[in-house]
């Protein structure tokens, strides 16, 4: 496997309007959607992922990041970059781009669309929440626990080890 680029960018005002919890201690900021990308990534890649470096961009009036850049690796030395940003306007960008010896694999639209070497392989509907809620119902019905802590561990590591840069206030832009 060659470099992997995760680009997960959307508009917080469209997806979380007026939701102040996301900016306070205990909230995840941009990692609220970013953890979705990390969930897909940790499921796709065979080796455990490790955080090498994190850079968090935190509005001066918030406790959590509005953007983050992560550098990850696995036990085989894969180079993985993640770019999360809540400041994008217009349609969201939810892409995972993987270069391999056999070509390029791109998951887009949050995993609903799969391209291999510029050919569309899967053109699925956005069923993320419908599938998630069905899975919750099944797990509750079966009285089981089904938890993958790997994505949350990466987010926690980013909060613990990430370099912080203060950026413009979020509330000054009209919300917060």
C-alpha atoms as a PDB file:
ATOM      1  CA  UNK A   1       0.000   0.000   0.000  1.00  0.00           C
ATOM      2  CA  UNK A   2       1.149   3.487  -0.856  1.00  0.00           C
ATOM      3  CA  UNK A   3      -0.065   6.760   0.662  1.00  0.00           C
ATOM      4  CA  UNK A   4      -3.604   7.100   1.985  1.00  0.00           C
ATOM      5  CA  UNK A   5      -5.409  10.444   2.103  1.00  0.00           C
ATOM      6  CA  UNK A   6      -8.595  10.934   4.098  1.00  0.00           C
ATOM      7  CA  UNK A   7     -10.433  14.175   3.296  1.00  0.00           C
ATOM      8  CA  UNK A   8     -13.474  14.718   5.498  1.00  0.00           C
ATOM      9  CA  UNK A   9     -14.768  18.269   5.187  1.00  0.00           C
ATOM     10  CA  UNK A  10     -18.216  19.728   5.638  1.00  0.00           C
ATOM     11  CA  UNK A  11     -20.080  22.753   6.925  1.00  0.00           C
ATOM     12  CA  UNK A  12     -20.726  22.599  10.665  1.00  0.00           C
ATOM     13  CA  UNK A  13     -23.537  25.136  10.283  1.00  0.00           C
ATOM     14  CA  UNK A  14     -25.393  22.774   7.966  1.00  0.00           C
ATOM     15  CA  UNK A  15     -24.796  19.561   9.905  1.00  0.00           C
ATOM     16  CA  UNK A  16     -24.813  20.851  13.503  1.00  0.00           C
ATOM     17  CA  UNK A  17     -26.717  24.165  13.512  1.00  0.00           C
ATOM     18  CA  UNK A  18     -26.839  25.737  16.971  1.00  0.00           C
ATOM     19  CA  UNK A  19     -25.358  22.658  18.658  1.00  0.00           C
ATOM     20  CA  UNK A  20     -22.977  24.264  21.143  1.00  0.00           C
ATOM     21  CA  UNK A  21     -22.131  20.941  22.834  1.00  0.00           C
ATOM     22  CA  UNK A  22     -19.863  20.076  19.926  1.00  0.00           C
ATOM     23  CA  UNK A  23     -17.544  22.991  20.856  1.00  0.00           C
ATOM     24  CA  UNK A  24     -17.362  22.400  24.621  1.00  0.00           C
ATOM     25  CA  UNK A  25     -15.156  20.116  26.734  1.00  0.00           C
ATOM     26  CA  UNK A  26     -16.299  16.570  26.130  1.00  0.00           C
ATOM     27  CA  UNK A  27     -17.544  17.447  22.646  1.00  0.00           C
ATOM     28  CA  UNK A  28     -15.576  16.238  19.669  1.00  0.00           C
ATOM     29  CA  UNK A  29     -15.538  19.289  17.414  1.00  0.00           C
ATOM     30  CA  UNK A  30     -14.504  18.290  13.896  1.00  0.00           C
ATOM     31  CA  UNK A  31     -13.859  14.760  15.136  1.00  0.00           C
ATOM     32  CA  UNK A  32     -17.633  14.230  15.395  1.00  0.00           C
ATOM     33  CA  UNK A  33     -17.780  13.581  11.639  1.00  0.00           C
ATOM     34  CA  UNK A  34     -14.071  12.709  11.451  1.00  0.00           C
ATOM     35  CA  UNK A  35     -14.542   9.624  13.598  1.00  0.00           C
ATOM     36  CA  UNK A  36     -16.792   8.264  10.830  1.00  0.00           C
ATOM     37  CA  UNK A  37     -13.824   8.375   8.454  1.00  0.00           C
ATOM     38  CA  UNK A  38     -11.593   6.759  11.065  1.00  0.00           C
ATOM     39  CA  UNK A  39     -14.174   3.995  11.576  1.00  0.00           C
ATOM     40  CA  UNK A  40     -14.129   3.196   7.864  1.00  0.00           C
ATOM     41  CA  UNK A  41     -10.336   3.430   7.721  1.00  0.00           C
ATOM     42  CA  UNK A  42      -9.702   1.144  10.710  1.00  0.00           C
ATOM     43  CA  UNK A  43     -12.126  -1.363   9.220  1.00  0.00           C
ATOM     44  CA  UNK A  44     -10.509  -1.257   5.763  1.00  0.00           C
ATOM     45  CA  UNK A  45      -6.872  -1.497   6.772  1.00  0.00           C
ATOM     46  CA  UNK A  46      -5.641  -4.787   8.174  1.00  0.00           C
ATOM     47  CA  UNK A  47      -3.079  -3.382  10.616  1.00  0.00           C
ATOM     48  CA  UNK A  48      -3.748  -1.323  13.770  1.00  0.00           C
ATOM     49  CA  UNK A  49      -3.324   2.404  13.176  1.00  0.00           C
ATOM     50  CA  UNK A  50      -1.101   4.645  15.270  1.00  0.00           C
ATOM     51  CA  UNK A  51      -1.077   8.424  15.555  1.00  0.00           C
ATOM     52  CA  UNK A  52       2.265   9.950  14.602  1.00  0.00           C
ATOM     53  CA  UNK A  53       1.274  13.617  14.640  1.00  0.00           C
ATOM     54  CA  UNK A  54      -1.802  15.799  15.052  1.00  0.00           C
ATOM     55  CA  UNK A  55      -2.391  19.496  14.496  1.00  0.00           C
ATOM     56  CA  UNK A  56      -5.634  20.860  15.938  1.00  0.00           C
ATOM     57  CA  UNK A  57      -7.089  24.217  14.878  1.00  0.00           C
ATOM     58  CA  UNK A  58      -9.269  25.493  17.717  1.00  0.00           C
ATOM     59  CA  UNK A  59     -11.377  28.668  17.581  1.00  0.00           C
ATOM     60  CA  UNK A  60     -10.435  31.048  20.406  1.00  0.00           C
ATOM     61  CA  UNK A  61     -13.982  30.836  21.801  1.00  0.00           C
ATOM     62  CA  UNK A  62     -14.201  27.018  21.704  1.00  0.00           C
ATOM     63  CA  UNK A  63     -12.681  24.024  23.472  1.00  0.00           C
ATOM     64  CA  UNK A  64     -12.624  21.641  20.521  1.00  0.00           C
ATOM     65  CA  UNK A  65     -11.153  21.844  17.008  1.00  0.00           C
ATOM     66  CA  UNK A  66     -12.882  23.203  13.929  1.00  0.00           C
ATOM     67  CA  UNK A  67     -10.182  21.529  11.801  1.00  0.00           C
ATOM     68  CA  UNK A  68      -7.473  18.914  12.295  1.00  0.00           C
ATOM     69  CA  UNK A  69      -4.630  17.381  10.334  1.00  0.00           C
ATOM     70  CA  UNK A  70      -3.465  13.921  11.388  1.00  0.00           C
ATOM     71  CA  UNK A  71      -0.554  11.811  10.299  1.00  0.00           C
ATOM     72  CA  UNK A  72      -1.072   8.112  11.003  1.00  0.00           C
ATOM     73  CA  UNK A  73       0.822   4.945  10.281  1.00  0.00           C
ATOM     74  CA  UNK A  74       0.332   1.232  10.778  1.00  0.00           C
ATOM     75  CA  UNK A  75       2.683  -1.556  11.813  1.00  0.00           C
ATOM     76  CA  UNK A  76       3.802  -1.887   8.183  1.00  0.00           C
ATOM     77  CA  UNK A  77       4.742   1.802   7.923  1.00  0.00           C
ATOM     78  CA  UNK A  78       1.859   3.016   5.752  1.00  0.00           C
ATOM     79  CA  UNK A  79       1.713   6.796   5.300  1.00  0.00           C
ATOM     80  CA  UNK A  80      -1.798   7.993   6.135  1.00  0.00           C
ATOM     81  CA  UNK A  81      -2.888  11.640   6.189  1.00  0.00           C
ATOM     82  CA  UNK A  82      -6.259  12.819   7.443  1.00  0.00           C
ATOM     83  CA  UNK A  83      -7.661  16.280   6.814  1.00  0.00           C
ATOM     84  CA  UNK A  84     -10.792  17.146   8.780  1.00  0.00           C
ATOM     85  CA  UNK A  85     -12.416  20.561   8.420  1.00  0.00           C
ATOM     86  CA  UNK A  86     -15.777  21.965   9.526  1.00  0.00           C
ATOM     87  CA  UNK A  87     -15.308  25.201   7.547  1.00  0.00           C
ATOM     88  CA  UNK A  88     -16.118  23.892   4.075  1.00  0.00           C
ATOM     89  CA  UNK A  89     -19.178  25.421   2.460  1.00  0.00           C
ATOM     90  CA  UNK A  90     -21.246  23.724  -0.223  1.00  0.00           C
ATOM     91  CA  UNK A  91     -21.429  19.954  -0.606  1.00  0.00           C
ATOM     92  CA  UNK A  92     -19.415  17.888   1.867  1.00  0.00           C
ATOM     93  CA  UNK A  93     -16.228  16.090   0.870  1.00  0.00           C
ATOM     94  CA  UNK A  94     -16.076  12.673   2.527  1.00  0.00           C
ATOM     95  CA  UNK A  95     -13.346  10.785   0.666  1.00  0.00           C
ATOM     96  CA  UNK A  96     -10.759   8.121   1.391  1.00  0.00           C
ATOM     97  CA  UNK A  97      -8.127   7.805  -1.343  1.00  0.00           C
ATOM     98  CA  UNK A  98      -5.856   4.738  -1.213  1.00  0.00           C
ATOM     99  CA  UNK A  99      -2.969   4.119  -3.599  1.00  0.00           C
ATOM    100  CA  UNK A 100      -1.944   0.469  -3.911  1.00  0.00           C
ATOM    101  CA  UNK A 101       0.414  -1.557  -6.087  1.00  0.00           C
ATOM    102  CA  UNK A 102      -2.631  -2.484  -8.167  1.00  0.00           C
ATOM    103  CA  UNK A 103      -3.982   1.035  -8.599  1.00  0.00           C
ATOM    104  CA  UNK A 104      -6.101   3.610  -6.904  1.00  0.00           C
ATOM    105  CA  UNK A 105      -9.119   2.965  -4.680  1.00  0.00           C
ATOM    106  CA  UNK A 106     -11.389   5.879  -3.753  1.00  0.00           C
ATOM    107  CA  UNK A 107     -14.308   5.727  -1.361  1.00  0.00           C
ATOM    108  CA  UNK A 108     -16.401   8.864  -1.647  1.00  0.00           C
ATOM    109  CA  UNK A 109     -19.649  10.265  -0.282  1.00  0.00           C
ATOM    110  CA  UNK A 110     -18.877   8.781   3.118  1.00  0.00           C
ATOM    111  CA  UNK A 111     -18.365   5.290   1.722  1.00  0.00           C
ATOM    112  CA  UNK A 112     -21.475   5.168  -0.489  1.00  0.00           C
ATOM    113  CA  UNK A 113     -19.443   5.272  -3.725  1.00  0.00           C
ATOM    114  CA  UNK A 114     -16.426   3.112  -4.566  1.00  0.00           C
ATOM    115  CA  UNK A 115     -14.082   3.810  -7.482  1.00  0.00           C
ATOM    116  CA  UNK A 116     -11.198   1.534  -8.508  1.00  0.00           C
ATOM    117  CA  UNK A 117      -8.754   2.905 -11.075  1.00  0.00           C
ATOM    118  CA  UNK A 118     -11.279   5.597 -12.089  1.00  0.00           C
ATOM    119  CA  UNK A 119     -14.085   3.042 -12.654  1.00  0.00           C
ATOM    120  CA  UNK A 120     -17.200   3.229 -10.510  1.00  0.00           C
ATOM    121  CA  UNK A 121     -17.587  -0.141  -8.797  1.00  0.00           C
ATOM    122  CA  UNK A 122     -20.358   0.698  -6.318  1.00  0.00           C
ATOM    123  CA  UNK A 123     -22.823   3.575  -6.504  1.00  0.00           C
ATOM    124  CA  UNK A 124     -24.765   3.128  -3.295  1.00  0.00           C
ATOM    125  CA  UNK A 125     -27.376   5.224  -1.572  1.00  0.00           C
ATOM    126  CA  UNK A 126     -26.584   7.168   1.576  1.00  0.00           C
ATOM    127  CA  UNK A 127     -27.873   4.657   4.108  1.00  0.00           C
ATOM    128  CA  UNK A 128     -25.446   5.393   6.926  1.00  0.00           C
ATOM    129  CA  UNK A 129     -27.995   6.260   9.585  1.00  0.00           C
ATOM    130  CA  UNK A 130     -30.628   3.741   8.487  1.00  0.00           C
ATOM    131  CA  UNK A 131     -28.031   0.956   8.663  1.00  0.00           C
ATOM    132  CA  UNK A 132     -26.600   2.257  11.923  1.00  0.00           C
ATOM    133  CA  UNK A 133     -29.997   2.368  13.644  1.00  0.00           C
ATOM    134  CA  UNK A 134     -30.880  -1.099  12.335  1.00  0.00           C
ATOM    135  CA  UNK A 135     -27.580  -2.370  13.753  1.00  0.00           C
ATOM    136  CA  UNK A 136     -28.305  -0.705  17.123  1.00  0.00           C
ATOM    137  CA  UNK A 137     -31.714  -2.394  17.225  1.00  0.00           C
ATOM    138  CA  UNK A 138     -30.180  -5.780  16.429  1.00  0.00           C
ATOM    139  CA  UNK A 139     -27.458  -5.462  19.083  1.00  0.00           C
ATOM    140  CA  UNK A 140     -29.955  -4.322  21.730  1.00  0.00           C
ATOM    141  CA  UNK A 141     -32.353  -7.131  20.809  1.00  0.00           C
ATOM    142  CA  UNK A 142     -29.539  -9.692  21.099  1.00  0.00           C
ATOM    143  CA  UNK A 143     -28.272  -8.076  24.330  1.00  0.00           C
ATOM    144  CA  UNK A 144     -24.754  -7.881  22.938  1.00  0.00           C
ATOM    145  CA  UNK A 145     -22.008  -5.317  22.898  1.00  0.00           C
ATOM    146  CA  UNK A 146     -20.496  -4.352  19.554  1.00  0.00           C
ATOM    147  CA  UNK A 147     -17.865  -1.668  20.002  1.00  0.00           C
ATOM    148  CA  UNK A 148     -14.748  -0.830  18.021  1.00  0.00           C
ATOM    149  CA  UNK A 149     -12.598   1.430  20.182  1.00  0.00           C
ATOM    150  CA  UNK A 150      -9.852   1.935  17.571  1.00  0.00           C
ATOM    151  CA  UNK A 151     -11.362   5.114  16.001  1.00  0.00           C
ATOM    152  CA  UNK A 152     -12.062   6.665  19.416  1.00  0.00           C
ATOM    153  CA  UNK A 153      -8.534   5.819  20.552  1.00  0.00           C
ATOM    154  CA  UNK A 154      -7.103   7.730  17.573  1.00  0.00           C
ATOM    155  CA  UNK A 155      -9.275  10.756  18.402  1.00  0.00           C
ATOM    156  CA  UNK A 156      -8.261  10.591  22.077  1.00  0.00           C
ATOM    157  CA  UNK A 157      -4.595  10.390  21.053  1.00  0.00           C
ATOM    158  CA  UNK A 158      -5.055  13.462  18.833  1.00  0.00           C
ATOM    159  CA  UNK A 159      -6.569  15.413  21.739  1.00  0.00           C
ATOM    160  CA  UNK A 160      -3.801  14.264  24.099  1.00  0.00           C
ATOM    161  CA  UNK A 161      -0.811  14.715  21.797  1.00  0.00           C
ATOM    162  CA  UNK A 162      -1.928  17.212  19.170  1.00  0.00           C
ATOM    163  CA  UNK A 163      -0.288  20.576  18.629  1.00  0.00           C
ATOM    164  CA  UNK A 164      -2.865  23.319  19.053  1.00  0.00           C
ATOM    165  CA  UNK A 165      -3.224  26.460  16.989  1.00  0.00           C
ATOM    166  CA  UNK A 166      -5.760  29.145  17.909  1.00  0.00           C
ATOM    167  CA  UNK A 167      -7.891  30.330  14.990  1.00  0.00           C
ATOM    168  CA  UNK A 168     -10.610  32.971  14.546  1.00  0.00           C
ATOM    169  CA  UNK A 169     -13.562  32.846  16.906  1.00  0.00           C
ATOM    170  CA  UNK A 170     -16.437  30.682  15.747  1.00  0.00           C
ATOM    171  CA  UNK A 171     -19.161  32.849  17.326  1.00  0.00           C
ATOM    172  CA  UNK A 172     -17.845  35.889  15.455  1.00  0.00           C
ATOM    173  CA  UNK A 173     -18.938  34.198  12.245  1.00  0.00           C
ATOM    174  CA  UNK A 174     -22.574  34.271  13.361  1.00  0.00           C
ATOM    175  CA  UNK A 175     -23.102  31.194  15.514  1.00  0.00           C
ATOM    176  CA  UNK A 176     -21.789  29.525  18.637  1.00  0.00           C
END
